[in-house]
Amino acid sequence: MSDISSAKPNSSTTSEVDIAIVGGGMVGASLALLLSSLNLGWGIKVIEAFPMTSATDGLQPSFDARSTALSHSSREVFEILDLWSTLSPRLAEIKEVHVSDRGHIGNTRLKASEQNLPALGYVVENQWLGSVLMTALQQAPNVDIVAPAQVSSVKPVRGGIQLSLSGAEVNTNLHAKLLVVADGAQSCTREILGIDATTRDYGQVAVIANISLQLDHGGVAYERFTDSGPMAMLPLQSVGEEHRSALVWTLPPDRAAEMMAVPDEAFLSELQDRFGHRLGQFQRVGSRHSYPIRLITSNEQVRSHVVVVGNAAHSLHPVAGQGFNLALRDVAVLVNELAKNASRGVALGDLAVLQGYLNQQQADQQQTILLSDLLPKVFGIDASPVALARNLGLLALDTVPLLRHQFARLGMGLETRGTTLIEKGAPANG
């Protein structure tokens, strides 16, 4: 694998590539690996604004590491890439999801055993997932990493898209048959392309931190809805003898600022009051971080020779933990469509192919966004009739197996996903 970022500073080059992916985060890296695994001979460049390194050897679990929830559909993607066995030793299984409404009787439990699966989902530390992806990416055939580099201009040309890249050691023009925009919710590339995004501010802030527990979480993920916003406690692997859960606590901005500022003891006391004692007495809190919660959706996801994916296409409320999982399902279906049409001789970047991908994923996107958008709204209403209705709904989920089954499949990404990815290494015309 070559890397044009090793070019001399200020040198000017022009190169051609089949697929350029702007954004080398978890979505962009996963997409590049899926494309490479098809063995179709496509040249792929991953363009990332920050230096990209891997260090899986000797990488130790960190108490404060940020984490991501992976659905069963995401596991299937990583199994196709032969990465699941590498990831597995550092995953925490979600064997059960407990949903409750603070101050009300309604609650429900979704269990992996009822789905005949080992887990409903998994929680992985971002630094571990990122390192595994980067190690694989650096070894992938036909993939070049250009980092650090920024996209300074984008324009359509015959047969593709021309990008101008700049950086400390990069000054090049790049012609790509297909441009994939995967550089995050505040995508600069999307803005350069003149693609507008719709932003809805929820008027909430997510406070995240890892919490040390008195009791072992037992693989249970808790989703608790309160009058100030939802909170989630996701199981993490223990560090030494210390049990951990990852907290995502949604609060009004002023309250979030207060909780970011108070001493650890006051933070844990308030969290204990809002969450309860299902995990025993909270022992300590790690580094706290916060970010405003907004629903950001790209007004366009496909153009001729351009597709927008990941948070650049849709950045969701964290309540259901579906953002990354939806993005992985998107890129899996995209890769499948590109491969099928390549076997028919259709040019990369053909608008009909990209529109076909979007048509397949539209239902999944709409339903997943609706779920992430609706849950905090419904549980944020204090009116008695609404509270009664939602608690009856939780009780129904808890007592009717078919409803639990369908709801669990929705959370695992199995109910709304599009087509499955073709087998790794399958011939293009197979």
Protein backbone atom coordinates (compact mmCIF):
# COMPACT_ATOMS: atom_id res chain seq x y z
CA MET A 1 0.00 0.00 0.00
CA SER A 2 1.35 3.40 -0.97
CA ASP A 3 0.64 6.70 0.70
CA ILE A 4 0.81 9.98 -1.21
CA SER A 5 1.09 11.85 2.09
CA SER A 6 4.77 10.96 1.96
CA ALA A 7 5.24 13.36 -0.97
CA LYS A 8 7.61 16.26 -0.48
CA PRO A 9 6.07 19.38 1.03
CA ASN A 10 4.48 21.71 -1.52
CA SER A 11 5.04 19.25 -4.39
CA SER A 12 2.20 19.27 -6.93
CA THR A 13 0.94 16.03 -8.43
CA THR A 14 -2.10 14.81 -10.31
CA SER A 15 -3.41 11.30 -9.87
CA GLU A 16 -6.46 9.22 -10.73
CA VAL A 17 -8.34 6.84 -8.51
CA ASP A 18 -11.52 4.82 -8.77
CA ILE A 19 -13.00 5.73 -5.37
CA ALA A 20 -12.02 8.60 -3.07
CA ILE A 21 -13.35 8.47 0.50
CA VAL A 22 -13.14 11.76 2.39
CA GLY A 23 -13.07 10.90 6.07
CA GLY A 24 -11.00 8.13 7.61
CA GLY A 25 -13.04 7.61 10.77
CA MET A 26 -14.83 4.39 11.67
CA VAL A 27 -17.36 4.69 8.83
CA GLY A 28 -14.88 5.70 6.13
CA ALA A 29 -12.38 3.02 7.17
CA SER A 30 -15.08 0.32 7.26
CA LEU A 31 -16.26 1.34 3.80
CA ALA A 32 -12.73 1.20 2.38
CA LEU A 33 -12.22 -2.29 3.84
CA LEU A 34 -15.52 -3.52 2.41
CA LEU A 35 -14.62 -2.18 -1.03
CA SER A 36 -11.13 -3.69 -0.88
CA SER A 37 -12.49 -7.08 0.25
CA LEU A 38 -14.40 -7.47 -3.03
CA ASN A 39 -11.13 -7.92 -4.95
CA LEU A 40 -12.46 -6.01 -7.95
CA GLY A 41 -9.20 -4.14 -8.54
CA TRP A 42 -10.61 -0.74 -7.60
CA GLY A 43 -8.03 1.82 -6.52
CA ILE A 44 -9.24 3.44 -3.28
CA LYS A 45 -7.93 6.54 -1.52
CA VAL A 46 -8.92 7.47 2.02
CA ILE A 47 -8.42 11.18 2.73
CA GLU A 48 -8.30 12.18 6.38
CA ALA A 49 -7.64 15.56 8.00
CA PHE A 50 -5.82 14.05 10.99
CA PRO A 51 -2.79 11.73 11.12
CA MET A 52 -3.87 8.08 11.05
CA THR A 53 -1.91 5.56 13.08
CA SER A 54 -2.52 2.08 14.47
CA ALA A 55 -1.23 0.63 17.72
CA THR A 56 -3.20 -2.50 18.61
CA ASP A 57 -0.14 -4.18 20.08
CA GLY A 58 0.06 -3.40 23.76
CA LEU A 59 -3.07 -1.22 23.69
CA GLN A 60 -4.41 -1.42 27.22
CA PRO A 61 -8.01 -0.92 28.34
CA SER A 62 -8.57 2.60 29.61
CA PHE A 63 -11.05 3.48 32.34
CA ASP A 64 -11.98 6.68 30.51
CA ALA A 65 -12.12 5.41 26.93
CA ARG A 66 -15.08 6.53 24.82
CA SER A 67 -17.17 3.68 23.48
CA THR A 68 -19.66 2.71 20.76
CA ALA A 69 -22.59 0.28 20.86
CA LEU A 70 -22.54 -2.24 18.00
CA SER A 71 -25.75 -3.91 16.85
CA HIS A 72 -25.99 -7.46 15.58
CA SER A 73 -26.09 -6.12 12.01
CA SER A 74 -22.73 -4.43 12.63
CA ARG A 75 -21.31 -7.69 13.92
CA GLU A 76 -22.27 -9.28 10.59
CA VAL A 77 -20.32 -6.60 8.68
CA PHE A 78 -17.19 -7.10 10.80
CA GLU A 79 -17.51 -10.87 10.40
CA ILE A 80 -17.47 -10.42 6.62
CA LEU A 81 -14.26 -8.42 7.04
CA ASP A 82 -12.72 -11.16 9.25
CA LEU A 83 -12.30 -8.59 12.03
CA TRP A 84 -14.80 -9.90 14.54
CA SER A 85 -12.43 -12.42 16.12
CA THR A 86 -9.89 -9.60 16.61
CA LEU A 87 -12.47 -7.27 18.14
CA SER A 88 -14.17 -9.89 20.34
CA PRO A 89 -11.72 -10.12 23.24
CA ARG A 90 -12.27 -6.44 24.01
CA LEU A 91 -16.07 -6.31 23.66
CA ALA A 92 -18.73 -6.25 26.36
CA GLU A 93 -21.83 -8.22 25.42
CA ILE A 94 -25.29 -6.72 25.86
CA LYS A 95 -27.22 -9.76 27.01
CA GLU A 96 -30.25 -7.80 28.16
CA VAL A 97 -31.73 -4.32 27.70
CA HIS A 98 -33.77 -2.88 30.57
CA VAL A 99 -36.05 0.04 29.65
CA SER A 100 -37.78 2.05 32.40
CA ASP A 101 -39.66 5.30 32.92
CA ARG A 102 -38.59 7.05 36.13
CA GLY A 103 -41.50 7.59 38.51
CA HIS A 104 -43.83 5.22 36.62
CA ILE A 105 -44.50 1.49 36.74
CA GLY A 106 -43.83 0.74 33.07
CA ASN A 107 -40.68 -1.17 32.21
CA THR A 108 -39.58 -3.93 29.89
CA ARG A 109 -36.66 -6.30 29.45
CA LEU A 110 -35.34 -7.48 26.10
CA LYS A 111 -33.20 -10.61 26.36
CA ALA A 112 -30.74 -12.10 23.91
CA SER A 113 -31.84 -15.60 24.91
CA GLU A 114 -35.33 -14.86 23.56
CA GLN A 115 -33.78 -14.06 20.17
CA ASN A 116 -31.62 -17.21 20.20
CA LEU A 117 -28.54 -15.00 19.96
CA PRO A 118 -25.49 -14.71 22.22
CA ALA A 119 -26.04 -10.96 22.59
CA LEU A 120 -28.41 -8.19 21.54
CA GLY A 121 -25.40 -5.99 20.87
CA TYR A 122 -21.89 -5.19 22.00
CA VAL A 123 -20.01 -2.23 23.44
CA VAL A 124 -16.48 -1.53 22.23
CA GLU A 125 -13.98 1.13 23.20
CA ASN A 126 -13.46 3.53 20.29
CA GLN A 127 -9.68 3.46 20.59
CA TRP A 128 -9.68 -0.33 20.19
CA LEU A 129 -12.15 -0.38 17.28
CA GLY A 130 -10.26 2.44 15.57
CA SER A 131 -6.90 0.70 15.98
CA VAL A 132 -8.23 -2.59 14.61
CA LEU A 133 -9.74 -0.83 11.61
CA MET A 134 -6.57 1.17 10.94
CA THR A 135 -4.32 -1.89 11.16
CA ALA A 136 -6.54 -3.69 8.65
CA LEU A 137 -6.70 -0.61 6.41
CA GLN A 138 -2.93 -0.26 6.27
CA GLN A 139 -2.71 -3.88 5.11
CA ALA A 140 -5.61 -3.76 2.64
CA PRO A 141 -4.76 -4.15 -1.06
CA ASN A 142 -5.45 -1.23 -3.41
CA VAL A 143 -6.01 1.24 -0.54
CA ASP A 144 -3.93 4.40 -0.11
CA ILE A 145 -4.23 6.63 2.95
CA VAL A 146 -3.72 10.37 2.44
CA ALA A 147 -3.26 11.99 5.84
CA PRO A 148 -3.19 14.60 7.10
CA ALA A 149 -4.89 16.30 4.18
CA GLN A 150 -7.85 18.59 3.59
CA VAL A 151 -10.14 18.91 0.60
CA SER A 152 -9.87 22.51 -0.61
CA SER A 153 -12.06 22.28 -3.72
CA VAL A 154 -14.37 19.84 -5.47
CA LYS A 155 -15.77 20.08 -8.97
CA PRO A 156 -17.56 17.71 -11.35
CA VAL A 157 -15.62 16.76 -14.49
CA ARG A 158 -16.25 14.33 -17.30
CA GLY A 159 -16.43 10.83 -15.86
CA GLY A 160 -16.08 11.80 -12.24
CA ILE A 161 -15.07 14.38 -9.66
CA GLN A 162 -11.87 16.40 -9.32
CA LEU A 163 -10.60 17.20 -5.85
CA SER A 164 -7.83 19.52 -4.79
CA LEU A 165 -6.05 18.33 -1.65
CA SER A 166 -3.79 20.32 0.59
CA GLY A 167 -1.84 19.65 3.74
CA ALA A 168 1.57 19.85 5.36
CA GLU A 169 2.97 17.28 2.93
CA VAL A 170 0.26 17.12 0.27
CA ASN A 171 -0.57 19.38 -2.65
CA THR A 172 -2.31 17.38 -5.33
CA ASN A 173 -5.23 17.19 -7.71
CA LEU A 174 -7.16 13.95 -7.63
CA HIS A 175 -9.61 12.64 -10.21
CA ALA A 176 -12.07 10.10 -8.80
CA LYS A 177 -14.81 8.15 -10.55
CA LEU A 178 -16.73 8.08 -7.26
CA LEU A 179 -16.44 10.47 -4.32
CA VAL A 180 -17.74 9.27 -0.95
CA VAL A 181 -18.26 12.02 1.63
CA ALA A 182 -17.79 10.59 5.14
CA ASP A 183 -16.21 13.46 7.08
CA GLY A 184 -18.78 13.86 9.84
CA ALA A 185 -21.88 15.83 10.79
CA GLN A 186 -20.17 19.19 10.16
CA SER A 187 -18.86 17.98 6.81
CA CYS A 188 -16.67 20.54 5.07
CA THR A 189 -16.79 18.52 1.84
CA ARG A 190 -20.57 18.50 1.85
CA GLU A 191 -20.45 22.28 2.26
CA ILE A 192 -17.95 22.69 -0.60
CA LEU A 193 -20.28 20.65 -2.81
CA GLY A 194 -23.12 23.05 -1.96
CA ILE A 195 -25.21 20.30 -0.37
CA ASP A 196 -27.37 21.79 2.36
CA ALA A 197 -28.18 20.01 5.61
CA THR A 198 -31.23 20.35 7.82
CA THR A 199 -30.43 20.79 11.51
CA ARG A 200 -32.89 20.40 14.35
CA ASP A 201 -31.56 21.34 17.76
CA TYR A 202 -33.13 19.22 20.51
CA GLY A 203 -32.23 21.82 23.11
CA GLN A 204 -30.37 19.11 25.02
CA VAL A 205 -26.77 18.24 25.83
CA ALA A 206 -25.34 14.76 26.24
CA VAL A 207 -23.03 14.30 29.21
CA ILE A 208 -20.89 11.20 28.82
CA ALA A 209 -18.53 9.50 31.24
CA ASN A 210 -17.55 6.06 32.45
CA ILE A 211 -18.85 5.05 35.86
CA SER A 212 -17.27 2.62 38.31
CA LEU A 213 -19.88 0.27 39.78
CA GLN A 214 -20.29 -1.54 43.07
CA LEU A 215 -22.00 -4.47 41.32
CA ASP A 216 -21.21 -6.32 38.11
CA HIS A 217 -23.55 -5.10 35.35
CA GLY A 218 -24.06 -8.69 34.18
CA GLY A 219 -24.26 -7.62 30.55
CA VAL A 220 -27.36 -5.49 31.13
CA ALA A 221 -27.77 -2.18 29.28
CA TYR A 222 -30.11 0.28 30.97
CA GLU A 223 -32.20 2.86 29.12
CA ARG A 224 -33.92 5.05 31.69
CA PHE A 225 -36.23 7.90 30.77
CA THR A 226 -36.49 10.76 33.24
CA ASP A 227 -38.28 14.12 33.36
CA SER A 228 -35.02 15.87 32.39
CA GLY A 229 -34.14 13.50 29.54
CA PRO A 230 -33.09 9.91 28.85
CA MET A 231 -30.02 8.29 30.31
CA ALA A 232 -28.26 5.12 29.21
CA MET A 233 -25.81 2.93 31.11
CA LEU A 234 -24.04 0.57 28.74
CA PRO A 235 -21.94 -2.39 29.94
CA LEU A 236 -18.18 -2.14 29.52
CA GLN A 237 -15.39 -4.59 30.14
CA SER A 238 -13.91 -4.36 33.60
CA VAL A 239 -10.53 -2.72 34.10
CA GLY A 240 -8.73 -4.85 36.64
CA GLU A 241 -11.22 -5.53 39.40
CA GLU A 242 -13.27 -2.43 38.60
CA HIS A 243 -16.70 -2.90 37.01
CA ARG A 244 -17.66 -0.17 34.51
CA SER A 245 -20.61 1.15 32.57
CA ALA A 246 -20.65 3.92 29.96
CA LEU A 247 -23.05 6.72 30.82
CA VAL A 248 -24.89 8.85 28.25
CA TRP A 249 -26.99 11.37 30.18
CA THR A 250 -29.21 13.77 28.25
CA LEU A 251 -29.94 17.05 30.04
CA PRO A 252 -31.09 20.62 29.37
CA PRO A 253 -28.07 22.84 28.55
CA ASP A 254 -27.99 24.72 31.85
CA ARG A 255 -28.33 21.54 33.86
CA ALA A 256 -25.66 19.83 31.76
CA ALA A 257 -23.27 22.73 32.38
CA GLU A 258 -23.91 22.41 36.09
CA MET A 259 -23.27 18.66 36.07
CA MET A 260 -20.07 19.16 34.11
CA ALA A 261 -18.83 21.61 36.74
CA VAL A 262 -19.76 19.97 40.06
CA PRO A 263 -17.24 17.85 42.02
CA ASP A 264 -17.22 14.10 41.37
CA GLU A 265 -19.06 13.31 44.61
CA ALA A 266 -21.94 15.65 43.78
CA PHE A 267 -22.13 14.28 40.24
CA LEU A 268 -22.34 10.69 41.45
CA SER A 269 -24.93 11.60 44.07
CA GLU A 270 -27.21 13.23 41.52
CA LEU A 271 -26.69 10.39 39.04
CA GLN A 272 -27.52 7.85 41.76
CA ASP A 273 -30.72 9.72 42.58
CA ARG A 274 -31.82 9.79 38.93
CA PHE A 275 -30.76 6.25 38.04
CA GLY A 276 -31.38 4.27 41.23
CA HIS A 277 -29.42 1.43 42.80
CA ARG A 278 -29.75 -1.33 40.20
CA LEU A 279 -25.96 -1.35 39.88
CA GLY A 280 -25.30 -0.73 43.55
CA GLN A 281 -23.50 2.33 44.82
CA PHE A 282 -21.58 4.23 42.15
CA GLN A 283 -17.90 4.29 43.10
CA ARG A 284 -16.29 6.93 40.89
CA VAL A 285 -16.74 8.86 37.66
CA GLY A 286 -14.13 9.20 34.94
CA SER A 287 -13.49 12.17 32.68
CA ARG A 288 -16.69 13.93 31.72
CA HIS A 289 -17.42 15.17 28.22
CA SER A 290 -20.44 16.86 26.70
CA TYR A 291 -21.84 17.77 23.30
CA PRO A 292 -25.06 19.40 22.07
CA ILE A 293 -27.62 16.99 20.60
CA ARG A 294 -28.87 17.79 17.12
CA LEU A 295 -30.55 15.86 14.36
CA ILE A 296 -28.59 16.70 11.20
CA THR A 297 -29.72 15.27 7.87
CA SER A 298 -28.18 15.96 4.48
CA ASN A 299 -30.72 17.30 1.99
CA GLU A 300 -28.97 15.27 -0.72
CA GLN A 301 -27.24 11.93 -0.31
CA VAL A 302 -26.46 11.11 -3.93
CA ARG A 303 -25.41 12.99 -7.04
CA SER A 304 -23.71 11.74 -10.17
CA HIS A 305 -20.34 10.38 -8.95
CA VAL A 306 -21.04 11.52 -5.35
CA VAL A 307 -22.54 9.78 -2.31
CA VAL A 308 -22.81 11.11 1.26
CA VAL A 309 -22.66 8.59 4.15
CA GLY A 310 -22.24 8.35 7.91
CA ASN A 311 -22.84 11.38 10.11
CA ALA A 312 -22.45 13.56 7.03
CA ALA A 313 -25.71 11.99 5.80
CA HIS A 314 -27.52 11.64 9.11
CA SER A 315 -26.40 12.43 12.66
CA LEU A 316 -28.92 11.08 15.19
CA HIS A 317 -30.01 11.51 18.79
CA PRO A 318 -27.90 9.08 20.87
CA VAL A 319 -30.88 7.66 22.78
CA ALA A 320 -31.07 4.40 20.82
CA GLY A 321 -27.36 4.14 19.92
CA GLN A 322 -28.18 3.67 16.24
CA GLY A 323 -26.02 6.24 14.41
CA PHE A 324 -22.92 4.17 13.65
CA ASN A 325 -24.95 1.00 13.12
CA LEU A 326 -27.19 2.67 10.54
CA ALA A 327 -24.10 4.06 8.79
CA LEU A 328 -22.57 0.57 8.56
CA ARG A 329 -25.77 -0.83 7.07
CA ASP A 330 -25.75 2.03 4.57
CA VAL A 331 -22.22 1.39 3.36
CA ALA A 332 -22.78 -2.39 3.22
CA VAL A 333 -25.72 -1.91 0.86
CA LEU A 334 -23.78 0.72 -1.12
CA VAL A 335 -20.87 -1.68 -1.65
CA ASN A 336 -23.27 -4.42 -2.66
CA GLU A 337 -24.90 -2.20 -5.29
CA LEU A 338 -21.56 -1.01 -6.66
CA ALA A 339 -20.33 -4.60 -7.00
CA LYS A 340 -23.50 -5.87 -8.67
CA ASN A 341 -23.46 -3.11 -11.24
CA ALA A 342 -19.73 -3.40 -11.89
CA SER A 343 -20.38 -6.99 -12.99
CA ARG A 344 -22.84 -5.58 -15.53
CA GLY A 345 -20.32 -3.12 -16.87
CA VAL A 346 -21.95 -0.04 -15.35
CA ALA A 347 -19.51 2.80 -14.69
CA LEU A 348 -18.59 3.72 -11.13
CA GLY A 349 -20.50 6.79 -9.99
CA ASP A 350 -23.49 6.16 -12.26
CA LEU A 351 -26.38 8.16 -10.79
CA ALA A 352 -28.93 5.40 -11.36
CA VAL A 353 -26.81 2.99 -9.31
CA LEU A 354 -26.38 5.47 -6.47
CA GLN A 355 -30.08 6.30 -6.52
CA GLY A 356 -30.83 2.57 -6.43
CA TYR A 357 -28.70 2.26 -3.29
CA LEU A 358 -30.55 5.14 -1.67
CA ASN A 359 -33.93 3.72 -2.60
CA GLN A 360 -32.99 0.46 -0.88
CA GLN A 361 -31.83 2.18 2.29
CA GLN A 362 -34.53 4.85 2.50
CA ALA A 363 -36.91 2.77 4.65
CA ASP A 364 -34.11 1.76 7.03
CA GLN A 365 -32.93 5.35 7.35
CA GLN A 366 -36.40 6.79 7.85
CA GLN A 367 -37.45 4.22 10.46
CA THR A 368 -34.18 4.41 12.38
CA ILE A 369 -34.24 8.22 12.41
CA LEU A 370 -37.90 8.14 13.47
CA LEU A 371 -37.14 5.77 16.35
CA SER A 372 -34.22 7.91 17.56
CA ASP A 373 -36.28 11.07 17.20
CA LEU A 374 -39.56 9.81 18.65
CA LEU A 375 -38.38 8.09 21.83
CA PRO A 376 -37.02 11.21 23.61
CA LYS A 377 -40.09 13.18 22.51
CA VAL A 378 -42.64 10.67 23.78
CA PHE A 379 -40.83 10.09 27.05
CA GLY A 380 -40.21 13.79 27.52
CA ILE A 381 -43.91 14.64 27.81
CA ASP A 382 -45.15 14.88 31.41
CA ALA A 383 -48.89 15.01 30.60
CA SER A 384 -50.71 12.19 32.39
CA PRO A 385 -52.48 10.73 29.31
CA VAL A 386 -49.17 10.47 27.43
CA ALA A 387 -47.36 9.02 30.45
CA LEU A 388 -50.12 6.45 30.86
CA ALA A 389 -50.03 5.50 27.17
CA ARG A 390 -46.25 5.03 27.05
CA ASN A 391 -46.24 2.98 30.25
CA LEU A 392 -48.99 0.77 28.89
CA GLY A 393 -46.78 0.37 25.83
CA LEU A 394 -43.82 -0.68 27.98
CA LEU A 395 -45.99 -3.14 29.87
CA ALA A 396 -47.26 -4.55 26.58
CA LEU A 397 -43.69 -4.98 25.38
CA ASP A 398 -42.88 -6.77 28.62
CA THR A 399 -45.82 -9.18 28.42
CA VAL A 400 -46.26 -9.87 24.68
CA PRO A 401 -43.38 -11.96 23.28
CA LEU A 402 -44.09 -11.07 19.63
CA LEU A 403 -43.85 -7.34 20.36
CA ARG A 404 -40.59 -7.86 22.25
CA HIS A 405 -39.21 -9.91 19.38
CA GLN A 406 -40.01 -7.24 16.79
CA PHE A 407 -38.72 -4.39 18.95
CA ALA A 408 -35.50 -6.27 19.69
CA ARG A 409 -34.93 -6.96 15.98
CA LEU A 410 -35.43 -3.25 15.28
CA GLY A 411 -32.76 -2.37 17.84
CA MET A 412 -30.39 -4.98 16.43
CA GLY A 413 -30.72 -3.52 12.94
CA LEU A 414 -32.26 -6.71 11.56
CA GLU A 415 -35.79 -5.50 10.89
CA THR A 416 -35.22 -2.59 8.50
CA ARG A 417 -31.86 -3.35 6.89
CA GLY A 418 -31.56 -3.67 3.13
CA THR A 419 -29.82 -6.44 1.22
CA THR A 420 -26.97 -8.38 2.73
CA LEU A 421 -23.45 -7.83 1.48
CA ILE A 422 -22.06 -10.23 -1.10
CA GLU A 423 -19.55 -12.70 0.26
CA LYS A 424 -16.00 -11.46 0.63
CA GLY A 425 -13.90 -12.39 -2.35
CA ALA A 426 -16.86 -13.42 -4.51
CA PRO A 427 -16.27 -12.86 -8.22
CA ALA A 428 -17.89 -9.74 -9.58
CA ASN A 429 -20.07 -11.74 -11.93
CA GLY A 430 -20.84 -14.45 -9.40
